[in-house]
Amino acid sequence: MAGEVNTPTDRLLTVAEVAEHLGTSERFPRRLIAERRIRYVKVGRHVRIPQSALDAYIAARTVEPVRRPLSRSGYRLAA
């Protein structure tokens, strides 16, 4: 996130668009902004979030699944 620069083609999203993309209410992106957990741009009194900032936020919080090795018999162990 730090050091990223907005490119001229970087789309600026409204809070409502970010909320829709994340599948949340508008309150969640507003809280991210208030807590400075996501980059944003002030355009007058309006707040916009660059598409690249949203992509970086999602990428930083994506958890990859854990792959368990197969047992010697070739079957996965029961839980």
C-alpha atoms as a PDB file:
ATOM      1  CA  MET A   1       0.000   0.000   0.000  1.00  0.00           C
ATOM      2  CA  ALA A   2       2.690   2.504   0.954  1.00  0.00           C
ATOM      3  CA  GLY A   3       4.571   3.977  -1.954  1.00  0.00           C
ATOM      4  CA  GLU A   4       1.830   3.272  -4.474  1.00  0.00           C
ATOM      5  CA  VAL A   5       1.083   6.131  -6.823  1.00  0.00           C
ATOM      6  CA  ASN A   6      -2.239   6.803  -8.476  1.00  0.00           C
ATOM      7  CA  THR A   7      -1.919   6.495 -12.223  1.00  0.00           C
ATOM      8  CA  PRO A   8      -3.923   8.769 -14.517  1.00  0.00           C
ATOM      9  CA  THR A   9      -6.008   5.741 -15.562  1.00  0.00           C
ATOM     10  CA  ASP A  10      -6.648   4.656 -11.950  1.00  0.00           C
ATOM     11  CA  ARG A  11     -10.425   4.849 -11.505  1.00  0.00           C
ATOM     12  CA  LEU A  12     -11.657   6.704  -8.424  1.00  0.00           C
ATOM     13  CA  LEU A  13     -14.497   4.858  -6.704  1.00  0.00           C
ATOM     14  CA  THR A  14     -17.195   6.278  -4.460  1.00  0.00           C
ATOM     15  CA  VAL A  15     -17.783   4.855  -0.998  1.00  0.00           C
ATOM     16  CA  ALA A  16     -20.973   3.240  -2.314  1.00  0.00           C
ATOM     17  CA  GLU A  17     -19.071   1.545  -5.178  1.00  0.00           C
ATOM     18  CA  VAL A  18     -16.421   0.236  -2.776  1.00  0.00           C
ATOM     19  CA  ALA A  19     -19.126  -1.087  -0.443  1.00  0.00           C
ATOM     20  CA  GLU A  20     -20.847  -2.833  -3.346  1.00  0.00           C
ATOM     21  CA  HIS A  21     -17.554  -4.353  -4.529  1.00  0.00           C
ATOM     22  CA  LEU A  22     -16.783  -5.661  -1.013  1.00  0.00           C
ATOM     23  CA  GLY A  23     -20.358  -6.790  -0.430  1.00  0.00           C
ATOM     24  CA  THR A  24     -20.725  -4.640   2.686  1.00  0.00           C
ATOM     25  CA  SER A  25     -22.664  -1.612   3.814  1.00  0.00           C
ATOM     26  CA  GLU A  26     -21.243   1.875   3.219  1.00  0.00           C
ATOM     27  CA  ARG A  27     -20.333   2.037   6.889  1.00  0.00           C
ATOM     28  CA  PHE A  28     -17.421  -0.419   6.455  1.00  0.00           C
ATOM     29  CA  PRO A  29     -15.455   1.560   3.804  1.00  0.00           C
ATOM     30  CA  ARG A  30     -16.125   4.751   5.762  1.00  0.00           C
ATOM     31  CA  ARG A  31     -14.603   3.096   8.830  1.00  0.00           C
ATOM     32  CA  LEU A  32     -11.565   1.992   6.763  1.00  0.00           C
ATOM     33  CA  ILE A  33     -11.131   5.621   5.715  1.00  0.00           C
ATOM     34  CA  ALA A  34     -11.589   7.010   9.237  1.00  0.00           C
ATOM     35  CA  GLU A  35      -9.055   4.521  10.637  1.00  0.00           C
ATOM     36  CA  ARG A  36      -6.686   5.227   7.696  1.00  0.00           C
ATOM     37  CA  ARG A  37      -6.568   1.544   6.775  1.00  0.00           C
ATOM     38  CA  ILE A  38      -7.039   2.276   3.050  1.00  0.00           C
ATOM     39  CA  ARG A  39      -5.687   5.003   0.766  1.00  0.00           C
ATOM     40  CA  TYR A  40      -8.179   7.621  -0.317  1.00  0.00           C
ATOM     41  CA  VAL A  41      -8.361  10.907  -2.195  1.00  0.00           C
ATOM     42  CA  LYS A  42     -10.225  14.025  -1.094  1.00  0.00           C
ATOM     43  CA  VAL A  43     -11.877  15.821  -4.009  1.00  0.00           C
ATOM     44  CA  GLY A  44     -13.340  18.910  -2.397  1.00  0.00           C
ATOM     45  CA  ARG A  45     -15.574  17.506   0.305  1.00  0.00           C
ATOM     46  CA  HIS A  46     -15.963  14.189  -1.493  1.00  0.00           C
ATOM     47  CA  VAL A  47     -13.913  11.105  -0.669  1.00  0.00           C
ATOM     48  CA  ARG A  48     -12.832   8.718  -3.421  1.00  0.00           C
ATOM     49  CA  ILE A  49     -10.876   5.473  -3.204  1.00  0.00           C
ATOM     50  CA  PRO A  50      -8.543   4.582  -6.086  1.00  0.00           C
ATOM     51  CA  GLN A  51      -9.226   1.193  -7.671  1.00  0.00           C
ATOM     52  CA  SER A  52      -5.570   0.270  -7.048  1.00  0.00           C
ATOM     53  CA  ALA A  53      -5.995   0.977  -3.306  1.00  0.00           C
ATOM     54  CA  LEU A  54      -9.035  -1.303  -3.151  1.00  0.00           C
ATOM     55  CA  ASP A  55      -7.179  -4.020  -5.073  1.00  0.00           C
ATOM     56  CA  ALA A  56      -4.187  -3.702  -2.717  1.00  0.00           C
ATOM     57  CA  TYR A  57      -6.466  -3.846   0.344  1.00  0.00           C
ATOM     58  CA  ILE A  58      -8.103  -7.031  -0.912  1.00  0.00           C
ATOM     59  CA  ALA A  59      -4.777  -8.626  -1.898  1.00  0.00           C
ATOM     60  CA  ALA A  60      -3.225  -7.865   1.496  1.00  0.00           C
ATOM     61  CA  ARG A  61      -6.111  -9.575   3.290  1.00  0.00           C
ATOM     62  CA  THR A  62      -6.524 -12.588   1.035  1.00  0.00           C
ATOM     63  CA  VAL A  63      -5.838 -15.829   2.879  1.00  0.00           C
ATOM     64  CA  GLU A  64      -4.705 -18.738   0.756  1.00  0.00           C
ATOM     65  CA  PRO A  65      -5.943 -22.244   1.622  1.00  0.00           C
ATOM     66  CA  VAL A  66      -3.606 -24.645   3.393  1.00  0.00           C
ATOM     67  CA  ARG A  67      -2.709 -27.719   1.399  1.00  0.00           C
ATOM     68  CA  ARG A  68      -2.303 -30.790   3.567  1.00  0.00           C
ATOM     69  CA  PRO A  69       0.046 -33.496   2.339  1.00  0.00           C
ATOM     70  CA  LEU A  70      -1.481 -36.852   1.455  1.00  0.00           C
ATOM     71  CA  SER A  71      -0.830 -39.753   3.808  1.00  0.00           C
ATOM     72  CA  ARG A  72       1.339 -42.633   2.597  1.00  0.00           C
ATOM     73  CA  SER A  73      -1.725 -44.647   1.594  1.00  0.00           C
ATOM     74  CA  GLY A  74      -2.780 -41.859  -0.754  1.00  0.00           C
ATOM     75  CA  TYR A  75      -5.871 -40.921   1.267  1.00  0.00           C
ATOM     76  CA  ARG A  76      -6.292 -37.825   3.344  1.00  0.00           C
ATOM     77  CA  LEU A  77      -6.360 -38.323   7.072  1.00  0.00           C
ATOM     78  CA  ALA A  78      -9.738 -37.999   8.784  1.00  0.00           C
ATOM     79  CA  ALA A  79     -10.240 -35.056  11.101  1.00  0.00           C
END
